[in-house]
């Protein structure tokens, strides 16, 4: 939410139109691109208060909906936790029509689990409760490997598809890495 709000403020400062499409396993909310302070505040409010009705995630649905919302070529940023990646066909189609980039956001605590013994958790994609032993070294190593693998798979996919990709830490400084990311993109366009 903070990354999305920061990007929204940046777009408003540049006097660009700004819109947002919030999704889960379906389209949750669409605010078409527009300008103005009231519009910006509405987007920030909706991002901060967003509570999805769907349980799963399907970025393909969101990316396919873009053509119904955007009437011309636009800059599209997909913010994702990388749990579910878009299909290559959908990425190709989106990239062909828009200037497209992906920003992954990950909390380090998601894969570096604290030792708390047995805990009941609900998986985001499956939606069912699971009891896990957070003291288990096997589980802790698995989760650490899973996080690294997920990042590697996303990096490889977006690189192969020619999509600019930035991975952010949810609790660290994200403004500096965002700034460098956009400076690199601007430098490549000029060069």
C-alpha atoms as a PDB file:
ATOM      1  CA  UNK A   1       0.000   0.000   0.000  1.00  0.00           C
ATOM      2  CA  UNK A   2       2.858   2.404   0.809  1.00  0.00           C
ATOM      3  CA  UNK A   3       4.599   1.666  -2.493  1.00  0.00           C
ATOM      4  CA  UNK A   4       1.348   2.196  -4.417  1.00  0.00           C
ATOM      5  CA  UNK A   5       0.670   5.457  -2.570  1.00  0.00           C
ATOM      6  CA  UNK A   6       4.218   6.669  -3.274  1.00  0.00           C
ATOM      7  CA  UNK A   7       3.852   5.868  -6.983  1.00  0.00           C
ATOM      8  CA  UNK A   8       0.470   7.640  -7.014  1.00  0.00           C
ATOM      9  CA  UNK A   9       1.955  10.767  -5.425  1.00  0.00           C
ATOM     10  CA  UNK A  10       4.810  10.711  -7.935  1.00  0.00           C
ATOM     11  CA  UNK A  11       2.399  10.445 -10.882  1.00  0.00           C
ATOM     12  CA  UNK A  12       0.269  13.290  -9.519  1.00  0.00           C
ATOM     13  CA  UNK A  13       3.362  15.464  -9.027  1.00  0.00           C
ATOM     14  CA  UNK A  14       4.311  14.829 -12.666  1.00  0.00           C
ATOM     15  CA  UNK A  15       0.762  15.897 -13.668  1.00  0.00           C
ATOM     16  CA  UNK A  16       0.129  12.436 -15.154  1.00  0.00           C
ATOM     17  CA  UNK A  17      -3.232  10.741 -15.174  1.00  0.00           C
ATOM     18  CA  UNK A  18      -3.460   8.004 -12.616  1.00  0.00           C
ATOM     19  CA  UNK A  19      -5.743   4.997 -12.308  1.00  0.00           C
ATOM     20  CA  UNK A  20      -5.781   1.796 -10.333  1.00  0.00           C
ATOM     21  CA  UNK A  21      -7.111  -1.704 -10.730  1.00  0.00           C
ATOM     22  CA  UNK A  22      -7.308  -3.797  -7.556  1.00  0.00           C
ATOM     23  CA  UNK A  23      -7.711  -7.547  -7.981  1.00  0.00           C
ATOM     24  CA  UNK A  24      -7.710 -10.903  -6.242  1.00  0.00           C
ATOM     25  CA  UNK A  25      -9.085 -13.868  -8.175  1.00  0.00           C
ATOM     26  CA  UNK A  26     -11.407 -11.342  -9.796  1.00  0.00           C
ATOM     27  CA  UNK A  27     -11.550  -7.621 -10.402  1.00  0.00           C
ATOM     28  CA  UNK A  28     -12.231  -5.941  -7.057  1.00  0.00           C
ATOM     29  CA  UNK A  29     -12.181  -2.246  -7.962  1.00  0.00           C
ATOM     30  CA  UNK A  30     -11.333  -0.103 -10.975  1.00  0.00           C
ATOM     31  CA  UNK A  31     -10.682   3.620 -10.857  1.00  0.00           C
ATOM     32  CA  UNK A  32     -10.035   4.839 -14.426  1.00  0.00           C
ATOM     33  CA  UNK A  33      -7.145   7.242 -15.056  1.00  0.00           C
ATOM     34  CA  UNK A  34      -7.759  10.883 -14.226  1.00  0.00           C
ATOM     35  CA  UNK A  35      -5.958  13.861 -12.728  1.00  0.00           C
ATOM     36  CA  UNK A  36      -6.523  16.009  -9.686  1.00  0.00           C
ATOM     37  CA  UNK A  37      -6.047  16.083  -5.952  1.00  0.00           C
ATOM     38  CA  UNK A  38      -9.446  14.554  -5.152  1.00  0.00           C
ATOM     39  CA  UNK A  39      -8.774  11.686  -7.551  1.00  0.00           C
ATOM     40  CA  UNK A  40      -5.327  11.104  -6.035  1.00  0.00           C
ATOM     41  CA  UNK A  41      -6.727  11.071  -2.494  1.00  0.00           C
ATOM     42  CA  UNK A  42      -9.450   8.617  -3.528  1.00  0.00           C
ATOM     43  CA  UNK A  43      -6.863   6.233  -4.979  1.00  0.00           C
ATOM     44  CA  UNK A  44      -4.648   6.440  -1.899  1.00  0.00           C
ATOM     45  CA  UNK A  45      -7.651   5.887   0.380  1.00  0.00           C
ATOM     46  CA  UNK A  46      -8.839   2.893  -1.654  1.00  0.00           C
ATOM     47  CA  UNK A  47      -5.380   1.318  -1.657  1.00  0.00           C
ATOM     48  CA  UNK A  48      -4.911   1.780   2.089  1.00  0.00           C
ATOM     49  CA  UNK A  49      -8.374   0.454   2.981  1.00  0.00           C
ATOM     50  CA  UNK A  50      -8.515  -2.351   0.404  1.00  0.00           C
ATOM     51  CA  UNK A  51      -9.942  -5.606   1.746  1.00  0.00           C
ATOM     52  CA  UNK A  52     -10.277  -8.166  -1.049  1.00  0.00           C
ATOM     53  CA  UNK A  53     -13.404 -10.290  -1.281  1.00  0.00           C
ATOM     54  CA  UNK A  54     -11.570 -12.998  -3.229  1.00  0.00           C
ATOM     55  CA  UNK A  55      -9.206 -15.428  -1.560  1.00  0.00           C
ATOM     56  CA  UNK A  56      -6.833 -16.290  -4.396  1.00  0.00           C
ATOM     57  CA  UNK A  57      -4.798 -14.171  -6.816  1.00  0.00           C
ATOM     58  CA  UNK A  58      -5.002 -14.052 -10.607  1.00  0.00           C
ATOM     59  CA  UNK A  59      -2.889 -11.325 -12.234  1.00  0.00           C
ATOM     60  CA  UNK A  60      -3.979 -12.535 -15.704  1.00  0.00           C
ATOM     61  CA  UNK A  61      -7.516 -11.299 -15.034  1.00  0.00           C
ATOM     62  CA  UNK A  62      -6.197  -7.869 -14.037  1.00  0.00           C
ATOM     63  CA  UNK A  63      -3.858  -7.520 -17.023  1.00  0.00           C
ATOM     64  CA  UNK A  64      -6.581  -8.597 -19.471  1.00  0.00           C
ATOM     65  CA  UNK A  65      -8.971  -6.028 -17.986  1.00  0.00           C
ATOM     66  CA  UNK A  66      -6.547  -3.203 -18.864  1.00  0.00           C
ATOM     67  CA  UNK A  67      -7.777  -2.952 -22.452  1.00  0.00           C
ATOM     68  CA  UNK A  68     -11.289  -2.222 -21.176  1.00  0.00           C
ATOM     69  CA  UNK A  69     -10.012   0.524 -18.877  1.00  0.00           C
ATOM     70  CA  UNK A  70      -7.156   2.098 -20.853  1.00  0.00           C
ATOM     71  CA  UNK A  71      -8.069   3.632 -24.185  1.00  0.00           C
ATOM     72  CA  UNK A  72      -4.487   4.258 -25.318  1.00  0.00           C
ATOM     73  CA  UNK A  73      -0.940   3.135 -24.627  1.00  0.00           C
ATOM     74  CA  UNK A  74      -0.105   3.748 -20.973  1.00  0.00           C
ATOM     75  CA  UNK A  75       2.525   3.113 -18.362  1.00  0.00           C
ATOM     76  CA  UNK A  76       1.357   0.055 -16.425  1.00  0.00           C
ATOM     77  CA  UNK A  77       2.891  -1.070 -13.143  1.00  0.00           C
ATOM     78  CA  UNK A  78       1.975  -4.407 -11.633  1.00  0.00           C
ATOM     79  CA  UNK A  79       2.598  -4.528  -7.879  1.00  0.00           C
ATOM     80  CA  UNK A  80       2.771  -8.118  -6.700  1.00  0.00           C
ATOM     81  CA  UNK A  81       3.856 -10.379  -3.864  1.00  0.00           C
ATOM     82  CA  UNK A  82       4.988 -12.817  -6.616  1.00  0.00           C
ATOM     83  CA  UNK A  83       2.962 -15.685  -5.193  1.00  0.00           C
ATOM     84  CA  UNK A  84       1.226 -16.060  -8.564  1.00  0.00           C
ATOM     85  CA  UNK A  85       2.949 -14.883 -11.750  1.00  0.00           C
ATOM     86  CA  UNK A  86       1.157 -13.878 -14.957  1.00  0.00           C
ATOM     87  CA  UNK A  87       1.187 -16.238 -17.938  1.00  0.00           C
ATOM     88  CA  UNK A  88       3.783 -15.494 -20.616  1.00  0.00           C
ATOM     89  CA  UNK A  89       1.074 -14.974 -23.259  1.00  0.00           C
ATOM     90  CA  UNK A  90      -0.613 -12.332 -21.105  1.00  0.00           C
ATOM     91  CA  UNK A  91       2.742 -10.662 -20.394  1.00  0.00           C
ATOM     92  CA  UNK A  92       3.538 -10.522 -24.124  1.00  0.00           C
ATOM     93  CA  UNK A  93       0.125  -9.000 -24.903  1.00  0.00           C
ATOM     94  CA  UNK A  94       0.407  -6.413 -22.131  1.00  0.00           C
ATOM     95  CA  UNK A  95       3.964  -5.499 -23.080  1.00  0.00           C
ATOM     96  CA  UNK A  96       2.956  -5.108 -26.749  1.00  0.00           C
ATOM     97  CA  UNK A  97       0.254  -2.571 -25.859  1.00  0.00           C
ATOM     98  CA  UNK A  98       1.741  -0.709 -22.905  1.00  0.00           C
ATOM     99  CA  UNK A  99       4.974   0.372 -21.273  1.00  0.00           C
ATOM    100  CA  UNK A 100       4.931  -2.334 -18.632  1.00  0.00           C
ATOM    101  CA  UNK A 101       6.917  -2.989 -15.471  1.00  0.00           C
ATOM    102  CA  UNK A 102       6.560  -5.169 -12.384  1.00  0.00           C
ATOM    103  CA  UNK A 103       7.373  -4.286  -8.804  1.00  0.00           C
ATOM    104  CA  UNK A 104       7.538  -7.206  -6.403  1.00  0.00           C
ATOM    105  CA  UNK A 105       7.080  -6.512  -2.708  1.00  0.00           C
ATOM    106  CA  UNK A 106       8.097  -9.076  -0.124  1.00  0.00           C
ATOM    107  CA  UNK A 107       8.241  -9.070   3.657  1.00  0.00           C
ATOM    108  CA  UNK A 108      11.402 -10.827   4.890  1.00  0.00           C
ATOM    109  CA  UNK A 109       9.432 -12.388   7.755  1.00  0.00           C
ATOM    110  CA  UNK A 110       7.421 -14.349   5.209  1.00  0.00           C
ATOM    111  CA  UNK A 111      10.360 -16.687   4.576  1.00  0.00           C
ATOM    112  CA  UNK A 112      12.550 -16.186   7.646  1.00  0.00           C
ATOM    113  CA  UNK A 113      10.111 -17.490  10.232  1.00  0.00           C
ATOM    114  CA  UNK A 114      10.400 -16.861  13.988  1.00  0.00           C
ATOM    115  CA  UNK A 115      10.677 -19.870  16.299  1.00  0.00           C
ATOM    116  CA  UNK A 116       7.226 -20.009  17.912  1.00  0.00           C
ATOM    117  CA  UNK A 117       6.445 -23.739  18.091  1.00  0.00           C
ATOM    118  CA  UNK A 118       3.162 -25.000  16.650  1.00  0.00           C
ATOM    119  CA  UNK A 119       1.061 -22.300  14.979  1.00  0.00           C
ATOM    120  CA  UNK A 120      -2.119 -22.483  12.919  1.00  0.00           C
ATOM    121  CA  UNK A 121      -1.805 -20.445   9.734  1.00  0.00           C
ATOM    122  CA  UNK A 122      -4.059 -19.831   6.770  1.00  0.00           C
ATOM    123  CA  UNK A 123      -2.397 -20.006   3.381  1.00  0.00           C
ATOM    124  CA  UNK A 124      -3.215 -17.081   1.133  1.00  0.00           C
ATOM    125  CA  UNK A 125      -3.863 -19.073  -2.033  1.00  0.00           C
ATOM    126  CA  UNK A 126      -5.412 -22.247  -0.585  1.00  0.00           C
ATOM    127  CA  UNK A 127      -7.402 -20.417   2.093  1.00  0.00           C
ATOM    128  CA  UNK A 128      -7.444 -23.407   4.432  1.00  0.00           C
ATOM    129  CA  UNK A 129      -5.873 -23.555   7.894  1.00  0.00           C
ATOM    130  CA  UNK A 130      -2.635 -25.487   8.319  1.00  0.00           C
ATOM    131  CA  UNK A 131      -0.820 -26.249  11.570  1.00  0.00           C
ATOM    132  CA  UNK A 132       2.955 -25.883  11.269  1.00  0.00           C
ATOM    133  CA  UNK A 133       5.877 -26.282  13.650  1.00  0.00           C
ATOM    134  CA  UNK A 134       7.899 -23.075  13.355  1.00  0.00           C
ATOM    135  CA  UNK A 135      10.672 -24.680  15.406  1.00  0.00           C
ATOM    136  CA  UNK A 136      11.197 -27.277  12.657  1.00  0.00           C
ATOM    137  CA  UNK A 137      14.549 -26.722  10.957  1.00  0.00           C
ATOM    138  CA  UNK A 138      13.233 -28.568   7.886  1.00  0.00           C
ATOM    139  CA  UNK A 139      10.301 -26.155   7.558  1.00  0.00           C
ATOM    140  CA  UNK A 140      12.501 -23.130   8.172  1.00  0.00           C
ATOM    141  CA  UNK A 141      14.973 -24.218   5.454  1.00  0.00           C
ATOM    142  CA  UNK A 142      12.123 -25.034   3.069  1.00  0.00           C
ATOM    143  CA  UNK A 143      10.561 -21.590   3.524  1.00  0.00           C
ATOM    144  CA  UNK A 144      13.895 -19.842   3.013  1.00  0.00           C
ATOM    145  CA  UNK A 145      14.525 -21.846  -0.193  1.00  0.00           C
ATOM    146  CA  UNK A 146      10.942 -21.230  -1.346  1.00  0.00           C
ATOM    147  CA  UNK A 147      11.398 -17.457  -1.038  1.00  0.00           C
ATOM    148  CA  UNK A 148      14.691 -17.512  -2.928  1.00  0.00           C
ATOM    149  CA  UNK A 149      13.234 -19.764  -5.632  1.00  0.00           C
ATOM    150  CA  UNK A 150      10.178 -17.539  -6.014  1.00  0.00           C
ATOM    151  CA  UNK A 151      12.384 -14.468  -6.513  1.00  0.00           C
ATOM    152  CA  UNK A 152      14.617 -16.333  -8.984  1.00  0.00           C
ATOM    153  CA  UNK A 153      11.661 -17.592 -11.028  1.00  0.00           C
ATOM    154  CA  UNK A 154      10.158 -14.080 -11.185  1.00  0.00           C
ATOM    155  CA  UNK A 155      13.514 -12.542 -12.161  1.00  0.00           C
ATOM    156  CA  UNK A 156      14.032 -15.110 -14.907  1.00  0.00           C
ATOM    157  CA  UNK A 157      10.478 -14.774 -16.282  1.00  0.00           C
ATOM    158  CA  UNK A 158      10.496 -10.978 -16.431  1.00  0.00           C
ATOM    159  CA  UNK A 159      14.013 -10.844 -17.868  1.00  0.00           C
ATOM    160  CA  UNK A 160      13.092 -13.370 -20.580  1.00  0.00           C
ATOM    161  CA  UNK A 161       9.929 -11.385 -21.391  1.00  0.00           C
ATOM    162  CA  UNK A 162      11.805  -8.046 -21.525  1.00  0.00           C
ATOM    163  CA  UNK A 163       9.826  -6.615 -18.607  1.00  0.00           C
ATOM    164  CA  UNK A 164      11.544  -4.263 -16.170  1.00  0.00           C
ATOM    165  CA  UNK A 165      11.375  -5.812 -12.703  1.00  0.00           C
ATOM    166  CA  UNK A 166      12.201  -4.459  -9.265  1.00  0.00           C
ATOM    167  CA  UNK A 167      12.109  -6.438  -6.025  1.00  0.00           C
ATOM    168  CA  UNK A 168      11.395  -4.423  -2.875  1.00  0.00           C
ATOM    169  CA  UNK A 169      11.622  -5.294   0.805  1.00  0.00           C
ATOM    170  CA  UNK A 170       8.333  -4.407   2.522  1.00  0.00           C
ATOM    171  CA  UNK A 171      10.002  -3.175   5.704  1.00  0.00           C
ATOM    172  CA  UNK A 172      13.101  -1.541   4.266  1.00  0.00           C
ATOM    173  CA  UNK A 173      13.627   1.715   2.442  1.00  0.00           C
ATOM    174  CA  UNK A 174      11.798   1.426  -0.854  1.00  0.00           C
ATOM    175  CA  UNK A 175      12.031   5.045  -2.030  1.00  0.00           C
ATOM    176  CA  UNK A 176      15.764   4.833  -2.812  1.00  0.00           C
ATOM    177  CA  UNK A 177      15.460   1.597  -4.837  1.00  0.00           C
ATOM    178  CA  UNK A 178      12.375   2.967  -6.657  1.00  0.00           C
ATOM    179  CA  UNK A 179      14.254   6.131  -7.569  1.00  0.00           C
ATOM    180  CA  UNK A 180      17.241   4.142  -8.902  1.00  0.00           C
ATOM    181  CA  UNK A 181      14.903   1.836 -10.838  1.00  0.00           C
ATOM    182  CA  UNK A 182      13.252   4.746 -12.644  1.00  0.00           C
ATOM    183  CA  UNK A 183      16.590   6.508 -13.231  1.00  0.00           C
ATOM    184  CA  UNK A 184      17.942   3.342 -14.915  1.00  0.00           C
ATOM    185  CA  UNK A 185      14.808   3.106 -17.065  1.00  0.00           C
ATOM    186  CA  UNK A 186      15.118   6.765 -18.078  1.00  0.00           C
ATOM    187  CA  UNK A 187      18.829   6.324 -18.848  1.00  0.00           C
ATOM    188  CA  UNK A 188      18.105   3.335 -21.112  1.00  0.00           C
ATOM    189  CA  UNK A 189      15.410   5.253 -23.017  1.00  0.00           C
ATOM    190  CA  UNK A 190      17.777   8.147 -23.683  1.00  0.00           C
ATOM    191  CA  UNK A 191      20.699   5.864 -24.605  1.00  0.00           C
END
